Amino acid sequence: MEALIKPKISIEDLKIISNKAKSAILTMTTLSKSGHPGGSMSSLDILLALYFSINFEPDKADEKVRDRV
Protein backbone atom coordinates (compact mmCIF):
# COMPACT_ATOMS: atom_id res chain seq x y z
CA MET A 1 0.00 0.00 0.00
CA GLU A 2 2.97 2.31 0.58
CA ALA A 3 3.59 2.62 -3.19
CA LEU A 4 0.17 4.21 -3.69
CA ILE A 5 0.89 7.20 -1.45
CA LYS A 6 1.70 10.12 -3.70
CA PRO A 7 4.88 12.13 -3.13
CA LYS A 8 5.07 15.90 -3.51
CA ILE A 9 5.68 16.67 -7.16
CA SER A 10 7.07 19.64 -9.09
CA ILE A 11 5.62 21.28 -12.20
CA GLU A 12 8.53 19.92 -14.21
CA ASP A 13 7.76 16.39 -13.02
CA LEU A 14 4.10 16.88 -13.96
CA LYS A 15 5.17 17.96 -17.45
CA ILE A 16 7.31 14.83 -17.84
CA ILE A 17 4.49 12.56 -16.66
CA SER A 18 2.06 14.36 -18.96
CA ASN A 19 4.32 13.96 -22.00
CA LYS A 20 4.81 10.25 -21.30
CA ALA A 21 1.08 9.74 -20.89
CA LYS A 22 0.31 11.65 -24.09
CA SER A 23 2.84 9.53 -25.94
CA ALA A 24 1.17 6.39 -24.57
CA ILE A 25 -2.26 7.66 -25.66
CA LEU A 26 -0.99 8.27 -29.19
CA THR A 27 0.68 4.85 -29.30
CA MET A 28 -2.44 3.05 -28.10
CA THR A 29 -4.81 4.80 -30.48
CA THR A 30 -2.42 4.40 -33.41
CA LEU A 31 -1.79 0.68 -32.82
CA SER A 32 -5.47 -0.04 -32.31
CA LYS A 33 -6.43 2.12 -35.32
CA SER A 34 -9.27 3.36 -33.17
CA GLY A 35 -10.02 6.01 -30.58
CA HIS A 36 -10.05 9.74 -30.15
CA PRO A 37 -6.73 10.90 -28.65
CA GLY A 38 -7.74 14.57 -28.57
CA GLY A 39 -10.29 14.13 -25.81
CA SER A 40 -7.93 12.10 -23.67
CA MET A 41 -5.04 14.49 -24.11
CA SER A 42 -7.11 17.62 -23.55
CA SER A 43 -8.20 16.52 -20.06
CA LEU A 44 -4.95 14.81 -19.06
CA ASP A 45 -3.16 17.83 -17.56
CA ILE A 46 -6.16 18.79 -15.45
CA LEU A 47 -6.57 15.25 -14.14
CA LEU A 48 -2.85 14.90 -13.34
CA ALA A 49 -2.80 18.20 -11.44
CA LEU A 50 -5.91 17.17 -9.52
CA TYR A 51 -4.58 13.68 -8.72
CA PHE A 52 -1.30 14.99 -7.34
CA SER A 53 -2.95 17.77 -5.30
CA ILE A 54 -5.78 15.93 -3.51
CA ASN A 55 -5.40 15.11 0.15
CA PHE A 56 -6.08 11.38 0.11
CA GLU A 57 -4.19 8.29 1.21
CA PRO A 58 -5.72 4.90 0.34
CA ASP A 59 -4.80 3.37 3.70
CA LYS A 60 -6.62 6.20 5.53
CA ALA A 61 -9.79 6.28 3.42
CA ASP A 62 -12.09 6.60 6.44
CA GLU A 63 -10.56 9.83 7.74
CA LYS A 64 -12.99 12.73 8.06
CA VAL A 65 -10.37 15.30 7.05
CA ARG A 66 -9.59 14.28 3.48
CA ASP A 67 -10.55 15.33 -0.01
CA ARG A 68 -13.38 13.57 -1.78
CA VAL A 69 -13.15 13.70 -5.53
PDB file of N, CA and C in Angstrom:
ATOM      1  N   MET A   1       0.835  -1.197   0.000  1.00  0.00           N
ATOM      2  CA  MET A   1       0.000   0.000   0.000  1.00  0.00           C
ATOM      3  C   MET A   1       0.873   1.252   0.000  1.00  0.00           C
ATOM      4  N   GLU A   2       2.069   1.162   0.491  1.00  0.00           N
ATOM      5  CA  GLU A   2       2.971   2.310   0.579  1.00  0.00           C
ATOM      6  C   GLU A   2       3.238   2.930  -0.796  1.00  0.00           C
ATOM      7  N   ALA A   3       3.286   2.120  -1.847  1.00  0.00           N
ATOM      8  CA  ALA A   3       3.588   2.623  -3.186  1.00  0.00           C
ATOM      9  C   ALA A   3       2.474   3.508  -3.732  1.00  0.00           C
ATOM     10  N   LEU A   4       1.277   3.403  -3.190  1.00  0.00           N
ATOM     11  CA  LEU A   4       0.167   4.205  -3.690  1.00  0.00           C
ATOM     12  C   LEU A   4       0.138   5.615  -3.110  1.00  0.00           C
ATOM     13  N   ILE A   5       0.878   5.870  -2.060  1.00  0.00           N
ATOM     14  CA  ILE A   5       0.893   7.196  -1.453  1.00  0.00           C
ATOM     15  C   ILE A   5       1.709   8.126  -2.341  1.00  0.00           C
ATOM     16  N   LYS A   6       1.092   9.217  -2.744  1.00  0.00           N
ATOM     17  CA  LYS A   6       1.696  10.119  -3.702  1.00  0.00           C
ATOM     18  C   LYS A   6       2.731  11.041  -3.042  1.00  0.00           C
ATOM     19  N   PRO A   7       3.886  11.171  -3.641  1.00  0.00           N
ATOM     20  CA  PRO A   7       4.881  12.131  -3.131  1.00  0.00           C
ATOM     21  C   PRO A   7       4.554  13.535  -3.612  1.00  0.00           C
ATOM     22  N   LYS A   8       5.181  14.529  -3.000  1.00  0.00           N
ATOM     23  CA  LYS A   8       5.071  15.903  -3.512  1.00  0.00           C
ATOM     24  C   LYS A   8       5.744  15.926  -4.874  1.00  0.00           C
ATOM     25  N   ILE A   9       5.189  16.701  -5.782  1.00  0.00           N
ATOM     26  CA  ILE A   9       5.684  16.669  -7.158  1.00  0.00           C
ATOM     27  C   ILE A   9       5.814  18.090  -7.705  1.00  0.00           C
ATOM     28  N   SER A  10       6.836  18.306  -8.528  1.00  0.00           N
ATOM     29  CA  SER A  10       7.067  19.636  -9.091  1.00  0.00           C
ATOM     30  C   SER A  10       6.338  19.781 -10.431  1.00  0.00           C
ATOM     31  N   ILE A  11       6.234  21.008 -10.900  1.00  0.00           N
ATOM     32  CA  ILE A  11       5.618  21.283 -12.196  1.00  0.00           C
ATOM     33  C   ILE A  11       6.396  20.584 -13.305  1.00  0.00           C
ATOM     34  N   GLU A  12       7.706  20.588 -13.197  1.00  0.00           N
ATOM     35  CA  GLU A  12       8.531  19.923 -14.213  1.00  0.00           C
ATOM     36  C   GLU A  12       8.255  18.424 -14.244  1.00  0.00           C
ATOM     37  N   ASP A  13       8.088  17.818 -13.079  1.00  0.00           N
ATOM     38  CA  ASP A  13       7.758  16.394 -13.019  1.00  0.00           C
ATOM     39  C   ASP A  13       6.385  16.129 -13.623  1.00  0.00           C
ATOM     40  N   LEU A  14       5.422  17.018 -13.366  1.00  0.00           N
ATOM     41  CA  LEU A  14       4.096  16.876 -13.961  1.00  0.00           C
ATOM     42  C   LEU A  14       4.167  16.955 -15.485  1.00  0.00           C
ATOM     43  N   LYS A  15       5.009  17.839 -16.001  1.00  0.00           N
ATOM     44  CA  LYS A  15       5.168  17.956 -17.452  1.00  0.00           C
ATOM     45  C   LYS A  15       5.739  16.673 -18.047  1.00  0.00           C
ATOM     46  N   ILE A  16       6.703  16.075 -17.357  1.00  0.00           N
ATOM     47  CA  ILE A  16       7.309  14.827 -17.837  1.00  0.00           C
ATOM     48  C   ILE A  16       6.280  13.703 -17.834  1.00  0.00           C
ATOM     49  N   ILE A  17       5.525  13.583 -16.749  1.00  0.00           N
ATOM     50  CA  ILE A  17       4.490  12.557 -16.657  1.00  0.00           C
ATOM     51  C   ILE A  17       3.435  12.779 -17.745  1.00  0.00           C
ATOM     52  N   SER A  18       3.050  14.027 -17.948  1.00  0.00           N
ATOM     53  CA  SER A  18       2.062  14.362 -18.963  1.00  0.00           C
ATOM     54  C   SER A  18       2.541  13.974 -20.358  1.00  0.00           C
ATOM     55  N   ASN A  19       3.776  14.300 -20.680  1.00  0.00           N
ATOM     56  CA  ASN A  19       4.316  13.964 -22.004  1.00  0.00           C
ATOM     57  C   ASN A  19       4.380  12.456 -22.221  1.00  0.00           C
ATOM     58  N   LYS A  20       4.764  11.716 -21.183  1.00  0.00           N
ATOM     59  CA  LYS A  20       4.813  10.251 -21.301  1.00  0.00           C
ATOM     60  C   LYS A  20       3.405   9.684 -21.493  1.00  0.00           C
ATOM     61  N   ALA A  21       2.449  10.218 -20.761  1.00  0.00           N
ATOM     62  CA  ALA A  21       1.078   9.736 -20.886  1.00  0.00           C
ATOM     63  C   ALA A  21       0.502  10.080 -22.261  1.00  0.00           C
ATOM     64  N   LYS A  22       0.787  11.266 -22.760  1.00  0.00           N
ATOM     65  CA  LYS A  22       0.309  11.654 -24.090  1.00  0.00           C
ATOM     66  C   LYS A  22       0.924  10.763 -25.169  1.00  0.00           C
ATOM     67  N   SER A  23       2.183  10.436 -25.003  1.00  0.00           N
ATOM     68  CA  SER A  23       2.836   9.525 -25.938  1.00  0.00           C
ATOM     69  C   SER A  23       2.171   8.152 -25.902  1.00  0.00           C
ATOM     70  N   ALA A  24       1.844   7.684 -24.713  1.00  0.00           N
ATOM     71  CA  ALA A  24       1.171   6.391 -24.571  1.00  0.00           C
ATOM     72  C   ALA A  24      -0.218   6.418 -25.211  1.00  0.00           C
ATOM     73  N   ILE A  25      -0.929   7.525 -25.050  1.00  0.00           N
ATOM     74  CA  ILE A  25      -2.257   7.663 -25.661  1.00  0.00           C
ATOM     75  C   ILE A  25      -2.143   7.582 -27.182  1.00  0.00           C
ATOM     76  N   LEU A  26      -1.180   8.304 -27.743  1.00  0.00           N
ATOM     77  CA  LEU A  26      -0.993   8.270 -29.195  1.00  0.00           C
ATOM     78  C   LEU A  26      -0.595   6.877 -29.675  1.00  0.00           C
ATOM     79  N   THR A  27       0.269   6.211 -28.933  1.00  0.00           N
ATOM     80  CA  THR A  27       0.684   4.853 -29.301  1.00  0.00           C
ATOM     81  C   THR A  27      -0.505   3.900 -29.283  1.00  0.00           C
ATOM     82  N   MET A  28      -1.298   3.961 -28.215  1.00  0.00           N
ATOM     83  CA  MET A  28      -2.443   3.055 -28.099  1.00  0.00           C
ATOM     84  C   MET A  28      -3.473   3.284 -29.196  1.00  0.00           C
ATOM     85  N   THR A  29      -3.794   4.537 -29.466  1.00  0.00           N
ATOM     86  CA  THR A  29      -4.808   4.795 -30.483  1.00  0.00           C
ATOM     87  C   THR A  29      -4.288   4.510 -31.891  1.00  0.00           C
ATOM     88  N   THR A  30      -3.002   4.697 -32.104  1.00  0.00           N
ATOM     89  CA  THR A  30      -2.422   4.398 -33.408  1.00  0.00           C
ATOM     90  C   THR A  30      -2.370   2.893 -33.647  1.00  0.00           C
ATOM     91  N   LEU A  31      -1.884   2.143 -32.663  1.00  0.00           N
ATOM     92  CA  LEU A  31      -1.785   0.684 -32.819  1.00  0.00           C
ATOM     93  C   LEU A  31      -3.157   0.027 -32.954  1.00  0.00           C
ATOM     94  N   SER A  32      -4.140   0.556 -32.250  1.00  0.00           N
ATOM     95  CA  SER A  32      -5.475  -0.042 -32.311  1.00  0.00           C
ATOM     96  C   SER A  32      -6.268   0.455 -33.522  1.00  0.00           C
ATOM     97  N   LYS A  33      -5.744   1.487 -34.180  1.00  0.00           N
ATOM     98  CA  LYS A  33      -6.426   2.124 -35.318  1.00  0.00           C
ATOM     99  C   LYS A  33      -7.848   2.534 -34.926  1.00  0.00           C
ATOM    100  N   SER A  34      -7.964   2.985 -33.698  1.00  0.00           N
ATOM    101  CA  SER A  34      -9.267   3.363 -33.171  1.00  0.00           C
ATOM    102  C   SER A  34      -9.066   4.337 -32.015  1.00  0.00           C
ATOM    103  N   GLY A  35     -10.083   5.121 -31.734  1.00  0.00           N
ATOM    104  CA  GLY A  35     -10.025   6.007 -30.584  1.00  0.00           C
ATOM    105  C   GLY A  35      -9.948   7.467 -30.972  1.00  0.00           C
ATOM    106  N   HIS A  36     -10.070   8.295 -29.969  1.00  0.00           N
ATOM    107  CA  HIS A  36     -10.048   9.744 -30.148  1.00  0.00           C
ATOM    108  C   HIS A  36      -9.031  10.332 -29.176  1.00  0.00           C
ATOM    109  N   PRO A  37      -7.772  10.440 -29.580  1.00  0.00           N
ATOM    110  CA  PRO A  37      -6.735  10.896 -28.653  1.00  0.00           C
ATOM    111  C   PRO A  37      -6.907  12.332 -28.184  1.00  0.00           C
ATOM    112  N   GLY A  38      -7.584  13.154 -28.951  1.00  0.00           N
ATOM    113  CA  GLY A  38      -7.736  14.568 -28.573  1.00  0.00           C
ATOM    114  C   GLY A  38      -8.461  14.751 -27.255  1.00  0.00           C
ATOM    115  N   GLY A  39      -9.529  14.017 -27.058  1.00  0.00           N
ATOM    116  CA  GLY A  39     -10.291  14.126 -25.813  1.00  0.00           C
ATOM    117  C   GLY A  39      -9.487  13.686 -24.607  1.00  0.00           C
ATOM    118  N   SER A  40      -8.758  12.601 -24.768  1.00  0.00           N
ATOM    119  CA  SER A  40      -7.930  12.102 -23.670  1.00  0.00           C
ATOM    120  C   SER A  40      -6.811  13.079 -23.328  1.00  0.00           C
ATOM    121  N   MET A  41      -6.169  13.592 -24.356  1.00  0.00           N
ATOM    122  CA  MET A  41      -5.040  14.491 -24.114  1.00  0.00           C
ATOM    123  C   MET A  41      -5.482  15.864 -23.617  1.00  0.00           C
ATOM    124  N   SER A  42      -6.678  16.297 -23.980  1.00  0.00           N
ATOM    125  CA  SER A  42      -7.110  17.624 -23.547  1.00  0.00           C
ATOM    126  C   SER A  42      -7.434  17.659 -22.051  1.00  0.00           C
ATOM    127  N   SER A  43      -7.858  16.547 -21.490  1.00  0.00           N
ATOM    128  CA  SER A  43      -8.196  16.522 -20.060  1.00  0.00           C
ATOM    129  C   SER A  43      -7.058  16.001 -19.188  1.00  0.00           C
ATOM    130  N   LEU A  44      -6.032  15.461 -19.802  1.00  0.00           N
ATOM    131  CA  LEU A  44      -4.954  14.813 -19.057  1.00  0.00           C
ATOM    132  C   LEU A  44      -4.264  15.739 -18.053  1.00  0.00           C
ATOM    133  N   ASP A  45      -3.892  16.925 -18.454  1.00  0.00           N
ATOM    134  CA  ASP A  45      -3.158  17.833 -17.561  1.00  0.00           C
ATOM    135  C   ASP A  45      -3.996  18.233 -16.347  1.00  0.00           C
ATOM    136  N   ILE A  46      -5.278  18.449 -16.566  1.00  0.00           N
ATOM    137  CA  ILE A  46      -6.163  18.795 -15.446  1.00  0.00           C
ATOM    138  C   ILE A  46      -6.255  17.628 -14.467  1.00  0.00           C
ATOM    139  N   LEU A  47      -6.433  16.423 -15.001  1.00  0.00           N
ATOM    140  CA  LEU A  47      -6.566  15.247 -14.138  1.00  0.00           C
ATOM    141  C   LEU A  47      -5.275  14.942 -13.382  1.00  0.00           C
ATOM    142  N   LEU A  48      -4.130  15.113 -14.034  1.00  0.00           N
ATOM    143  CA  LEU A  48      -2.851  14.897 -13.344  1.00  0.00           C
ATOM    144  C   LEU A  48      -2.659  15.905 -12.212  1.00  0.00           C
ATOM    145  N   ALA A  49      -2.944  17.170 -12.479  1.00  0.00           N
ATOM    146  CA  ALA A  49      -2.805  18.199 -11.445  1.00  0.00           C
ATOM    147  C   ALA A  49      -3.742  17.911 -10.278  1.00  0.00           C
ATOM    148  N   LEU A  50      -4.955  17.500 -10.571  1.00  0.00           N
ATOM    149  CA  LEU A  50      -5.913  17.166  -9.522  1.00  0.00           C
ATOM    150  C   LEU A  50      -5.444  15.962  -8.720  1.00  0.00           C
ATOM    151  N   TYR A  51      -5.019  14.903  -9.401  1.00  0.00           N
ATOM    152  CA  TYR A  51      -4.581  13.682  -8.718  1.00  0.00           C
ATOM    153  C   TYR A  51      -3.432  13.952  -7.751  1.00  0.00           C
ATOM    154  N   PHE A  52      -2.470  14.742  -8.180  1.00  0.00           N
ATOM    155  CA  PHE A  52      -1.303  14.989  -7.338  1.00  0.00           C
ATOM    156  C   PHE A  52      -1.519  16.099  -6.311  1.00  0.00           C
ATOM    157  N   SER A  53      -2.708  16.722  -6.290  1.00  0.00           N
ATOM    158  CA  SER A  53      -2.949  17.766  -5.299  1.00  0.00           C
ATOM    159  C   SER A  53      -4.004  17.387  -4.262  1.00  0.00           C
ATOM    160  N   ILE A  54      -4.739  16.300  -4.486  1.00  0.00           N
ATOM    161  CA  ILE A  54      -5.776  15.931  -3.511  1.00  0.00           C
ATOM    162  C   ILE A  54      -5.147  15.378  -2.236  1.00  0.00           C
ATOM    163  N   ASN A  55      -5.833  15.599  -1.148  1.00  0.00           N
ATOM    164  CA  ASN A  55      -5.397  15.111   0.154  1.00  0.00           C
ATOM    165  C   ASN A  55      -6.104  13.782   0.420  1.00  0.00           C
ATOM    166  N   PHE A  56      -5.477  12.696  -0.042  1.00  0.00           N
ATOM    167  CA  PHE A  56      -6.084  11.380   0.114  1.00  0.00           C
ATOM    168  C   PHE A  56      -4.998  10.318   0.152  1.00  0.00           C
ATOM    169  N   GLU A  57      -5.082   9.443   1.122  1.00  0.00           N
ATOM    170  CA  GLU A  57      -4.189   8.295   1.209  1.00  0.00           C
ATOM    171  C   GLU A  57      -5.062   7.052   1.288  1.00  0.00           C
ATOM    172  N   PRO A  58      -4.862   6.083   0.388  1.00  0.00           N
ATOM    173  CA  PRO A  58      -5.725   4.905   0.341  1.00  0.00           C
ATOM    174  C   PRO A  58      -5.827   4.144   1.670  1.00  0.00           C
ATOM    175  N   ASP A  59      -4.757   4.116   2.434  1.00  0.00           N
ATOM    176  CA  ASP A  59      -4.802   3.373   3.700  1.00  0.00           C
ATOM    177  C   ASP A  59      -5.517   4.145   4.812  1.00  0.00           C
ATOM    178  N   LYS A  60      -5.896   5.382   4.553  1.00  0.00           N
ATOM    179  CA  LYS A  60      -6.618   6.200   5.531  1.00  0.00           C
ATOM    180  C   LYS A  60      -7.918   6.724   4.907  1.00  0.00           C
ATOM    181  N   ALA A  61      -8.610   5.872   4.167  1.00  0.00           N
ATOM    182  CA  ALA A  61      -9.793   6.283   3.417  1.00  0.00           C
ATOM    183  C   ALA A  61     -10.957   6.705   4.302  1.00  0.00           C
ATOM    184  N   ASP A  62     -10.979   6.277   5.556  1.00  0.00           N
ATOM    185  CA  ASP A  62     -12.091   6.596   6.445  1.00  0.00           C
ATOM    186  C   ASP A  62     -11.912   7.901   7.216  1.00  0.00           C
ATOM    187  N   GLU A  63     -10.789   8.581   7.019  1.00  0.00           N
ATOM    188  CA  GLU A  63     -10.561   9.831   7.740  1.00  0.00           C
ATOM    189  C   GLU A  63     -11.592  10.877   7.352  1.00  0.00           C
ATOM    190  N   LYS A  64     -12.008  11.667   8.338  1.00  0.00           N
ATOM    191  CA  LYS A  64     -12.987  12.728   8.062  1.00  0.00           C
ATOM    192  C   LYS A  64     -12.344  13.917   7.356  1.00  0.00           C
ATOM    193  N   VAL A  65     -11.064  14.153   7.657  1.00  0.00           N
ATOM    194  CA  VAL A  65     -10.366  15.297   7.053  1.00  0.00           C
ATOM    195  C   VAL A  65      -9.559  14.784   5.859  1.00  0.00           C
ATOM    196  N   ARG A  66     -10.234  14.683   4.727  1.00  0.00           N
ATOM    197  CA  ARG A  66      -9.587  14.281   3.480  1.00  0.00           C
ATOM    198  C   ARG A  66     -10.427  14.820   2.331  1.00  0.00           C
ATOM    199  N   ASP A  67      -9.818  14.875   1.169  1.00  0.00           N
ATOM    200  CA  ASP A  67     -10.549  15.331  -0.010  1.00  0.00           C
ATOM    201  C   ASP A  67     -11.375  14.176  -0.591  1.00  0.00           C
ATOM    202  N   ARG A  68     -12.524  14.532  -1.082  1.00  0.00           N
ATOM    203  CA  ARG A  68     -13.379  13.569  -1.776  1.00  0.00           C
ATOM    204  C   ARG A  68     -13.567  14.080  -3.204  1.00  0.00           C
ATOM    205  N   VAL A  69     -13.109  13.289  -4.134  1.00  0.00           N
ATOM    206  CA  VAL A  69     -13.154  13.702  -5.535  1.00  0.00           C
ATOM    207  C   VAL A  69     -14.032  12.738  -6.304  1.00  0.00           C
TER     208      VAL A  69
END
